[in-house]
Structures are given as structure tokens and as C-alpha cells.
């Protein structure tokens, strides 16, 4: 599963990260080009939010129902 997400506010960032660390399987964020970070890393999510124009969430499991709030 790969979807574009938007983490505009501090609340978005905190809630998204809290959900990511609760998941039992790896989840990654990437910029759609070549940069990738672990979505279960607070620094990784912060970097993606602050530096990238577009953020994509990738997971082997379908978590779209869990992250629908941030999907654009």
C-alpha cells in the first residue's frame, strides 16, 4: 500500500506518529523520489513534515483505513 498523506499541523504530526508506533509492522514515509524514512521514528516523521513537498506512506499491510484522516 502506498498513499500520499498530509501532515500540516502539530496535532497531525503527533497523532500520526502515535499511531505509527502502535503498529506491529514497519511503515515508511518517502518523498516519492528517493528519500525514505521510518514512520515509526519521531525524527523521521518530523523531517518528512518539515522538508518534503509531498509525503507518501508505504506499508506492506493495508493501513489506509487507519490513516484515512491524513490521506489526500
C-alpha atoms as a PDB file:
ATOM      1  CA  UNK A   1       0.000   0.000   0.000  1.00  0.00           C
ATOM      2  CA  UNK A   2       1.297   3.442  -0.910  1.00  0.00           C
ATOM      3  CA  UNK A   3      -0.720   6.637  -0.402  1.00  0.00           C
ATOM      4  CA  UNK A   4       0.009  10.335  -0.245  1.00  0.00           C
ATOM      5  CA  UNK A   5      -0.519  11.881   3.187  1.00  0.00           C
ATOM      6  CA  UNK A   6      -0.579  15.406   4.552  1.00  0.00           C
ATOM      7  CA  UNK A   7       0.741  16.326   7.994  1.00  0.00           C
ATOM      8  CA  UNK A   8       0.074  20.059   8.177  1.00  0.00           C
ATOM      9  CA  UNK A   9      -0.386  20.720  11.872  1.00  0.00           C
ATOM     10  CA  UNK A  10       1.424  19.805  15.060  1.00  0.00           C
ATOM     11  CA  UNK A  11      -1.629  17.733  16.022  1.00  0.00           C
ATOM     12  CA  UNK A  12      -1.431  15.859  12.708  1.00  0.00           C
ATOM     13  CA  UNK A  13       2.223  15.113  13.376  1.00  0.00           C
ATOM     14  CA  UNK A  14       1.657  13.920  16.955  1.00  0.00           C
ATOM     15  CA  UNK A  15      -1.410  11.808  16.185  1.00  0.00           C
ATOM     16  CA  UNK A  16       0.145  10.243  13.087  1.00  0.00           C
ATOM     17  CA  UNK A  17       3.349   9.354  14.934  1.00  0.00           C
ATOM     18  CA  UNK A  18       1.416   7.933  17.895  1.00  0.00           C
ATOM     19  CA  UNK A  19      -0.469   5.646  15.509  1.00  0.00           C
ATOM     20  CA  UNK A  20       2.684   4.599  13.647  1.00  0.00           C
ATOM     21  CA  UNK A  21       4.497   3.441  16.788  1.00  0.00           C
ATOM     22  CA  UNK A  22       1.484   1.344  17.768  1.00  0.00           C
ATOM     23  CA  UNK A  23       1.657  -0.708  14.556  1.00  0.00           C
ATOM     24  CA  UNK A  24       3.414  -4.087  14.711  1.00  0.00           C
ATOM     25  CA  UNK A  25       4.895  -3.914  11.208  1.00  0.00           C
ATOM     26  CA  UNK A  26       7.279  -1.456   9.503  1.00  0.00           C
ATOM     27  CA  UNK A  27       5.854   1.657   7.879  1.00  0.00           C
ATOM     28  CA  UNK A  28       7.882   4.105   5.815  1.00  0.00           C
ATOM     29  CA  UNK A  29       7.494   7.651   4.567  1.00  0.00           C
ATOM     30  CA  UNK A  30       9.090   8.755   1.328  1.00  0.00           C
ATOM     31  CA  UNK A  31       9.161  11.835  -0.840  1.00  0.00           C
ATOM     32  CA  UNK A  32       8.047   9.999  -3.970  1.00  0.00           C
ATOM     33  CA  UNK A  33      11.557  10.200  -5.391  1.00  0.00           C
ATOM     34  CA  UNK A  34      14.492   8.764  -3.489  1.00  0.00           C
ATOM     35  CA  UNK A  35      14.388   9.778   0.169  1.00  0.00           C
ATOM     36  CA  UNK A  36      12.818   7.430   2.711  1.00  0.00           C
ATOM     37  CA  UNK A  37      12.468   7.422   6.498  1.00  0.00           C
ATOM     38  CA  UNK A  38      10.884   5.133   9.052  1.00  0.00           C
ATOM     39  CA  UNK A  39       7.399   6.350  10.015  1.00  0.00           C
ATOM     40  CA  UNK A  40       7.980   4.891  13.479  1.00  0.00           C
ATOM     41  CA  UNK A  41      10.825   7.344  14.076  1.00  0.00           C
ATOM     42  CA  UNK A  42       9.810  10.689  15.535  1.00  0.00           C
ATOM     43  CA  UNK A  43      12.735  12.400  13.823  1.00  0.00           C
ATOM     44  CA  UNK A  44      11.879  10.710  10.526  1.00  0.00           C
ATOM     45  CA  UNK A  45       8.282  11.921  10.583  1.00  0.00           C
ATOM     46  CA  UNK A  46       9.405  15.418  11.628  1.00  0.00           C
ATOM     47  CA  UNK A  47      11.953  15.546   8.794  1.00  0.00           C
ATOM     48  CA  UNK A  48       9.343  14.490   6.254  1.00  0.00           C
ATOM     49  CA  UNK A  49       6.861  17.075   7.555  1.00  0.00           C
ATOM     50  CA  UNK A  50       9.371  19.942   7.572  1.00  0.00           C
ATOM     51  CA  UNK A  51      11.397  19.242   4.429  1.00  0.00           C
ATOM     52  CA  UNK A  52       9.348  17.426   1.805  1.00  0.00           C
ATOM     53  CA  UNK A  53       6.729  18.923  -0.507  1.00  0.00           C
ATOM     54  CA  UNK A  54       4.958  15.570  -0.853  1.00  0.00           C
ATOM     55  CA  UNK A  55       4.846  12.720   1.661  1.00  0.00           C
ATOM     56  CA  UNK A  56       3.914   9.150   0.781  1.00  0.00           C
ATOM     57  CA  UNK A  57       3.179   6.490   3.364  1.00  0.00           C
ATOM     58  CA  UNK A  58       4.178   2.930   2.451  1.00  0.00           C
ATOM     59  CA  UNK A  59       3.389  -0.307   4.203  1.00  0.00           C
ATOM     60  CA  UNK A  60       3.163  -3.964   3.265  1.00  0.00           C
ATOM     61  CA  UNK A  61      -0.108  -4.135   5.204  1.00  0.00           C
ATOM     62  CA  UNK A  62      -3.147  -2.144   4.127  1.00  0.00           C
ATOM     63  CA  UNK A  63      -3.411   0.559   6.784  1.00  0.00           C
ATOM     64  CA  UNK A  64      -5.417   3.009   4.682  1.00  0.00           C
ATOM     65  CA  UNK A  65      -8.442   2.649   6.980  1.00  0.00           C
ATOM     66  CA  UNK A  66      -6.239   3.719   9.918  1.00  0.00           C
ATOM     67  CA  UNK A  67      -4.680   6.731   8.205  1.00  0.00           C
ATOM     68  CA  UNK A  68      -7.647   7.959   6.156  1.00  0.00           C
ATOM     69  CA  UNK A  69      -7.606  11.204   8.172  1.00  0.00           C
ATOM     70  CA  UNK A  70      -4.272  12.147   6.561  1.00  0.00           C
ATOM     71  CA  UNK A  71      -4.761  10.719   3.050  1.00  0.00           C
ATOM     72  CA  UNK A  72      -5.096  13.292   0.294  1.00  0.00           C
END
